[in-house]
């Protein structure tokens, strides 16, 4: 969150075809202006079933 302000990002990661894949939190679903830390888990739980909660996948691979 707050990517353009340079403060921090919230990501998810998983292995896809034995390669790491990282996705960014969709700021359209979780407001980047949350006022309290307890609000962030609530926002996650509210959107946990939404397949677009994390977006912009980036896959990494090993270069030989």
PDB file of N, CA and C in Angstrom:
ATOM      1  N   UNK A   1       0.836  -1.175   0.000  1.00  0.00           N
ATOM      2  CA  UNK A   1       0.000   0.000   0.000  1.00  0.00           C
ATOM      3  C   UNK A   1       0.884   1.241   0.000  1.00  0.00           C
ATOM      4  N   UNK A   2       0.299   2.350  -0.352  1.00  0.00           N
ATOM      5  CA  UNK A   2       1.007   3.627  -0.386  1.00  0.00           C
ATOM      6  C   UNK A   2       2.234   3.585  -1.279  1.00  0.00           C
ATOM      7  N   UNK A   3       2.162   2.804  -2.364  1.00  0.00           N
ATOM      8  CA  UNK A   3       3.299   2.645  -3.246  1.00  0.00           C
ATOM      9  C   UNK A   3       3.836   3.946  -3.805  1.00  0.00           C
ATOM     10  N   UNK A   4       2.955   4.813  -4.300  1.00  0.00           N
ATOM     11  CA  UNK A   4       3.450   6.048  -4.895  1.00  0.00           C
ATOM     12  C   UNK A   4       4.045   6.991  -3.852  1.00  0.00           C
ATOM     13  N   UNK A   5       3.706   6.799  -2.590  1.00  0.00           N
ATOM     14  CA  UNK A   5       4.277   7.628  -1.529  1.00  0.00           C
ATOM     15  C   UNK A   5       5.562   7.014  -1.002  1.00  0.00           C
ATOM     16  N   UNK A   6       5.890   5.803  -1.438  1.00  0.00           N
ATOM     17  CA  UNK A   6       7.146   5.169  -1.082  1.00  0.00           C
ATOM     18  C   UNK A   6       7.240   4.656   0.337  1.00  0.00           C
ATOM     19  N   UNK A   7       6.125   4.436   1.012  1.00  0.00           N
ATOM     20  CA  UNK A   7       6.206   4.002   2.402  1.00  0.00           C
ATOM     21  C   UNK A   7       6.329   2.488   2.536  1.00  0.00           C
ATOM     22  N   UNK A   8       5.429   1.739   1.924  1.00  0.00           N
ATOM     23  CA  UNK A   8       5.488   0.288   1.993  1.00  0.00           C
ATOM     24  C   UNK A   8       4.550  -0.344   0.974  1.00  0.00           C
ATOM     25  N   UNK A   9       4.735  -1.638   0.751  1.00  0.00           N
ATOM     26  CA  UNK A   9       3.875  -2.427  -0.127  1.00  0.00           C
ATOM     27  C   UNK A   9       3.403  -3.645   0.644  1.00  0.00           C
ATOM     28  N   UNK A  10       2.199  -4.104   0.348  1.00  0.00           N
ATOM     29  CA  UNK A  10       1.695  -5.360   0.877  1.00  0.00           C
ATOM     30  C   UNK A  10       1.660  -6.323  -0.287  1.00  0.00           C
ATOM     31  N   UNK A  11       2.260  -7.493  -0.116  1.00  0.00           N
ATOM     32  CA  UNK A  11       2.343  -8.466  -1.200  1.00  0.00           C
ATOM     33  C   UNK A  11       1.896  -9.839  -0.740  1.00  0.00           C
ATOM     34  N   UNK A  12       1.642 -10.690  -1.701  1.00  0.00           N
ATOM     35  CA  UNK A  12       1.460 -12.114  -1.446  1.00  0.00           C
ATOM     36  C   UNK A  12       2.471 -12.841  -2.315  1.00  0.00           C
ATOM     37  N   UNK A  13       2.795 -14.042  -1.928  1.00  0.00           N
ATOM     38  CA  UNK A  13       3.712 -14.823  -2.754  1.00  0.00           C
ATOM     39  C   UNK A  13       3.279 -16.274  -2.766  1.00  0.00           C
ATOM     40  N   UNK A  14       3.666 -16.962  -3.815  1.00  0.00           N
ATOM     41  CA  UNK A  14       3.407 -18.394  -3.950  1.00  0.00           C
ATOM     42  C   UNK A  14       4.375 -18.949  -4.976  1.00  0.00           C
ATOM     43  N   UNK A  15       4.481 -20.258  -4.996  1.00  0.00           N
ATOM     44  CA  UNK A  15       5.270 -20.905  -6.036  1.00  0.00           C
ATOM     45  C   UNK A  15       4.332 -21.277  -7.170  1.00  0.00           C
ATOM     46  N   UNK A  16       4.708 -20.923  -8.376  1.00  0.00           N
ATOM     47  CA  UNK A  16       3.940 -21.252  -9.561  1.00  0.00           C
ATOM     48  C   UNK A  16       4.891 -21.941 -10.528  1.00  0.00           C
ATOM     49  N   UNK A  17       4.650 -23.215 -10.812  1.00  0.00           N
ATOM     50  CA  UNK A  17       5.549 -24.010 -11.654  1.00  0.00           C
ATOM     51  C   UNK A  17       6.969 -23.993 -11.089  1.00  0.00           C
ATOM     52  N   UNK A  18       7.069 -24.123  -9.766  1.00  0.00           N
ATOM     53  CA  UNK A  18       8.353 -24.148  -9.043  1.00  0.00           C
ATOM     54  C   UNK A  18       9.126 -22.835  -9.159  1.00  0.00           C
ATOM     55  N   UNK A  19       8.428 -21.746  -9.474  1.00  0.00           N
ATOM     56  CA  UNK A  19       9.050 -20.432  -9.567  1.00  0.00           C
ATOM     57  C   UNK A  19       8.295 -19.478  -8.641  1.00  0.00           C
ATOM     58  N   UNK A  20       9.012 -18.617  -7.932  1.00  0.00           N
ATOM     59  CA  UNK A  20       8.323 -17.655  -7.065  1.00  0.00           C
ATOM     60  C   UNK A  20       7.497 -16.657  -7.877  1.00  0.00           C
ATOM     61  N   UNK A  21       6.305 -16.359  -7.357  1.00  0.00           N
ATOM     62  CA  UNK A  21       5.429 -15.358  -7.966  1.00  0.00           C
ATOM     63  C   UNK A  21       4.974 -14.403  -6.868  1.00  0.00           C
ATOM     64  N   UNK A  22       5.117 -13.126  -7.093  1.00  0.00           N
ATOM     65  CA  UNK A  22       4.731 -12.108  -6.116  1.00  0.00           C
ATOM     66  C   UNK A  22       3.641 -11.233  -6.727  1.00  0.00           C
ATOM     67  N   UNK A  23       2.623 -10.916  -5.911  1.00  0.00           N
ATOM     68  CA  UNK A  23       1.539 -10.035  -6.349  1.00  0.00           C
ATOM     69  C   UNK A  23       1.390  -8.900  -5.345  1.00  0.00           C
ATOM     70  N   UNK A  24       0.983  -7.732  -5.832  1.00  0.00           N
ATOM     71  CA  UNK A  24       0.757  -6.560  -4.990  1.00  0.00           C
ATOM     72  C   UNK A  24      -0.696  -6.487  -4.549  1.00  0.00           C
ATOM     73  N   UNK A  25      -0.905  -5.912  -3.387  1.00  0.00           N
ATOM     74  CA  UNK A  25      -2.255  -5.691  -2.879  1.00  0.00           C
ATOM     75  C   UNK A  25      -2.993  -4.725  -3.798  1.00  0.00           C
ATOM     76  N   UNK A  26      -4.219  -5.053  -4.121  1.00  0.00           N
ATOM     77  CA  UNK A  26      -5.062  -4.208  -4.963  1.00  0.00           C
ATOM     78  C   UNK A  26      -5.608  -3.069  -4.104  1.00  0.00           C
ATOM     79  N   UNK A  27      -5.078  -1.885  -4.295  1.00  0.00           N
ATOM     80  CA  UNK A  27      -5.478  -0.730  -3.487  1.00  0.00           C
ATOM     81  C   UNK A  27      -6.900  -0.260  -3.783  1.00  0.00           C
ATOM     82  N   UNK A  28      -7.497  -0.784  -4.852  1.00  0.00           N
ATOM     83  CA  UNK A  28      -8.893  -0.462  -5.120  1.00  0.00           C
ATOM     84  C   UNK A  28      -9.815  -1.227  -4.180  1.00  0.00           C
ATOM     85  N   UNK A  29      -9.330  -2.359  -3.655  1.00  0.00           N
ATOM     86  CA  UNK A  29     -10.135  -3.158  -2.735  1.00  0.00           C
ATOM     87  C   UNK A  29      -9.816  -2.865  -1.278  1.00  0.00           C
ATOM     88  N   UNK A  30      -8.566  -2.547  -0.989  1.00  0.00           N
ATOM     89  CA  UNK A  30      -8.157  -2.238   0.381  1.00  0.00           C
ATOM     90  C   UNK A  30      -7.628  -0.809   0.374  1.00  0.00           C
ATOM     91  N   UNK A  31      -8.324   0.050   1.040  1.00  0.00           N
ATOM     92  CA  UNK A  31      -8.012   1.474   1.048  1.00  0.00           C
ATOM     93  C   UNK A  31      -6.601   1.745   1.569  1.00  0.00           C
ATOM     94  N   UNK A  32      -5.843   2.565   0.878  1.00  0.00           N
ATOM     95  CA  UNK A  32      -4.491   2.878   1.324  1.00  0.00           C
ATOM     96  C   UNK A  32      -4.465   4.022   2.346  1.00  0.00           C
ATOM     97  N   UNK A  33      -5.621   4.466   2.779  1.00  0.00           N
ATOM     98  CA  UNK A  33      -5.699   5.532   3.783  1.00  0.00           C
ATOM     99  C   UNK A  33      -6.296   5.015   5.100  1.00  0.00           C
ATOM    100  N   UNK A  34      -6.096   3.729   5.395  1.00  0.00           N
ATOM    101  CA  UNK A  34      -6.604   3.180   6.647  1.00  0.00           C
ATOM    102  C   UNK A  34      -5.992   3.940   7.822  1.00  0.00           C
ATOM    103  N   UNK A  35      -6.783   4.215   8.835  1.00  0.00           N
ATOM    104  CA  UNK A  35      -6.334   5.046   9.952  1.00  0.00           C
ATOM    105  C   UNK A  35      -5.714   4.241  11.096  1.00  0.00           C
ATOM    106  N   UNK A  36      -6.132   2.979  11.267  1.00  0.00           N
ATOM    107  CA  UNK A  36      -5.648   2.175  12.391  1.00  0.00           C
ATOM    108  C   UNK A  36      -5.126   0.842  11.891  1.00  0.00           C
ATOM    109  N   UNK A  37      -4.149   0.289  12.591  1.00  0.00           N
ATOM    110  CA  UNK A  37      -3.582  -0.999  12.174  1.00  0.00           C
ATOM    111  C   UNK A  37      -4.608  -2.123  12.244  1.00  0.00           C
ATOM    112  N   UNK A  38      -5.591  -2.027  13.133  1.00  0.00           N
ATOM    113  CA  UNK A  38      -6.616  -3.076  13.221  1.00  0.00           C
ATOM    114  C   UNK A  38      -7.522  -3.077  12.003  1.00  0.00           C
ATOM    115  N   UNK A  39      -7.550  -1.986  11.259  1.00  0.00           N
ATOM    116  CA  UNK A  39      -8.402  -1.913  10.073  1.00  0.00           C
ATOM    117  C   UNK A  39      -7.869  -2.741   8.912  1.00  0.00           C
ATOM    118  N   UNK A  40      -6.550  -2.953   8.851  1.00  0.00           N
ATOM    119  CA  UNK A  40      -5.970  -3.706   7.734  1.00  0.00           C
ATOM    120  C   UNK A  40      -6.436  -5.159   7.728  1.00  0.00           C
ATOM    121  N   UNK A  41      -6.348  -5.905   8.844  1.00  0.00           N
ATOM    122  CA  UNK A  41      -6.868  -7.287   8.809  1.00  0.00           C
ATOM    123  C   UNK A  41      -8.354  -7.350   8.475  1.00  0.00           C
ATOM    124  N   UNK A  42      -9.108  -6.385   8.945  1.00  0.00           N
ATOM    125  CA  UNK A  42     -10.548  -6.354   8.628  1.00  0.00           C
ATOM    126  C   UNK A  42     -10.765  -6.185   7.125  1.00  0.00           C
ATOM    127  N   UNK A  43      -9.958  -5.330   6.505  1.00  0.00           N
ATOM    128  CA  UNK A  43     -10.072  -5.114   5.062  1.00  0.00           C
ATOM    129  C   UNK A  43      -9.695  -6.374   4.294  1.00  0.00           C
ATOM    130  N   UNK A  44      -8.667  -7.098   4.776  1.00  0.00           N
ATOM    131  CA  UNK A  44      -8.302  -8.372   4.148  1.00  0.00           C
ATOM    132  C   UNK A  44      -9.447  -9.367   4.250  1.00  0.00           C
ATOM    133  N   UNK A  45      -9.996  -9.528   5.443  1.00  0.00           N
ATOM    134  CA  UNK A  45     -11.070 -10.498   5.651  1.00  0.00           C
ATOM    135  C   UNK A  45     -12.302 -10.151   4.837  1.00  0.00           C
ATOM    136  N   UNK A  46     -12.591  -8.883   4.704  1.00  0.00           N
ATOM    137  CA  UNK A  46     -13.744  -8.444   3.911  1.00  0.00           C
ATOM    138  C   UNK A  46     -13.588  -8.865   2.452  1.00  0.00           C
ATOM    139  N   UNK A  47     -12.342  -8.903   1.953  1.00  0.00           N
ATOM    140  CA  UNK A  47     -12.083  -9.183   0.539  1.00  0.00           C
ATOM    141  C   UNK A  47     -11.368 -10.508   0.296  1.00  0.00           C
ATOM    142  N   UNK A  48     -11.281 -11.370   1.314  1.00  0.00           N
ATOM    143  CA  UNK A  48     -10.459 -12.578   1.197  1.00  0.00           C
ATOM    144  C   UNK A  48     -10.887 -13.517   0.073  1.00  0.00           C
ATOM    145  N   UNK A  49     -12.123 -13.517  -0.312  1.00  0.00           N
ATOM    146  CA  UNK A  49     -12.593 -14.398  -1.383  1.00  0.00           C
ATOM    147  C   UNK A  49     -12.462 -13.763  -2.766  1.00  0.00           C
ATOM    148  N   UNK A  50     -12.117 -12.505  -2.823  1.00  0.00           N
ATOM    149  CA  UNK A  50     -12.012 -11.805  -4.100  1.00  0.00           C
ATOM    150  C   UNK A  50     -10.704 -12.190  -4.783  1.00  0.00           C
ATOM    151  N   UNK A  51     -10.785 -12.768  -5.963  1.00  0.00           N
ATOM    152  CA  UNK A  51      -9.589 -13.221  -6.685  1.00  0.00           C
ATOM    153  C   UNK A  51      -8.692 -12.053  -7.098  1.00  0.00           C
ATOM    154  N   UNK A  52      -9.209 -10.821  -7.029  1.00  0.00           N
ATOM    155  CA  UNK A  52      -8.432  -9.640  -7.406  1.00  0.00           C
ATOM    156  C   UNK A  52      -7.848  -8.902  -6.200  1.00  0.00           C
ATOM    157  N   UNK A  53      -7.812  -9.554  -5.033  1.00  0.00           N
ATOM    158  CA  UNK A  53      -7.248  -8.906  -3.845  1.00  0.00           C
ATOM    159  C   UNK A  53      -5.773  -8.590  -4.051  1.00  0.00           C
ATOM    160  N   UNK A  54      -5.068  -9.494  -4.727  1.00  0.00           N
ATOM    161  CA  UNK A  54      -3.666  -9.255  -5.086  1.00  0.00           C
ATOM    162  C   UNK A  54      -3.548  -9.308  -6.600  1.00  0.00           C
ATOM    163  N   UNK A  55      -2.843  -8.342  -7.164  1.00  0.00           N
ATOM    164  CA  UNK A  55      -2.790  -8.187  -8.623  1.00  0.00           C
ATOM    165  C   UNK A  55      -1.352  -7.984  -9.096  1.00  0.00           C
ATOM    166  N   UNK A  56      -1.197  -7.841 -10.398  1.00  0.00           N
ATOM    167  CA  UNK A  56       0.092  -7.574 -11.044  1.00  0.00           C
ATOM    168  C   UNK A  56       1.146  -8.633 -10.709  1.00  0.00           C
ATOM    169  N   UNK A  57       0.885  -9.885 -11.071  1.00  0.00           N
ATOM    170  CA  UNK A  57       1.859 -10.934 -10.738  1.00  0.00           C
ATOM    171  C   UNK A  57       3.206 -10.724 -11.433  1.00  0.00           C
ATOM    172  N   UNK A  58       4.246 -10.986 -10.685  1.00  0.00           N
ATOM    173  CA  UNK A  58       5.609 -10.938 -11.211  1.00  0.00           C
ATOM    174  C   UNK A  58       6.234 -12.289 -10.904  1.00  0.00           C
ATOM    175  N   UNK A  59       6.686 -12.992 -11.950  1.00  0.00           N
ATOM    176  CA  UNK A  59       7.316 -14.307 -11.773  1.00  0.00           C
ATOM    177  C   UNK A  59       8.825 -14.162 -11.893  1.00  0.00           C
ATOM    178  N   UNK A  60       9.522 -14.924 -11.083  1.00  0.00           N
ATOM    179  CA  UNK A  60      10.960 -14.905 -11.088  1.00  0.00           C
ATOM    180  C   UNK A  60      11.476 -16.246 -11.594  1.00  0.00           C
ATOM    181  N   UNK A  61      12.620 -16.219 -12.229  1.00  0.00           N
ATOM    182  CA  UNK A  61      13.229 -17.470 -12.705  1.00  0.00           C
ATOM    183  C   UNK A  61      14.725 -17.384 -12.509  1.00  0.00           C
ATOM    184  N   UNK A  62      15.326 -18.530 -12.399  1.00  0.00           N
ATOM    185  CA  UNK A  62      16.770 -18.600 -12.245  1.00  0.00           C
ATOM    186  C   UNK A  62      17.432 -18.538 -13.611  1.00  0.00           C
ATOM    187  N   UNK A  63      18.437 -17.709 -13.742  1.00  0.00           N
ATOM    188  CA  UNK A  63      19.191 -17.608 -14.988  1.00  0.00           C
ATOM    189  C   UNK A  63      20.451 -18.423 -14.839  1.00  0.00           C
ATOM    190  N   UNK A  64      20.655 -19.310 -15.783  1.00  0.00           N
ATOM    191  CA  UNK A  64      21.843 -20.184 -15.730  1.00  0.00           C
ATOM    192  C   UNK A  64      22.999 -19.570 -16.471  1.00  0.00           C
TER     193      UNK A  64
END
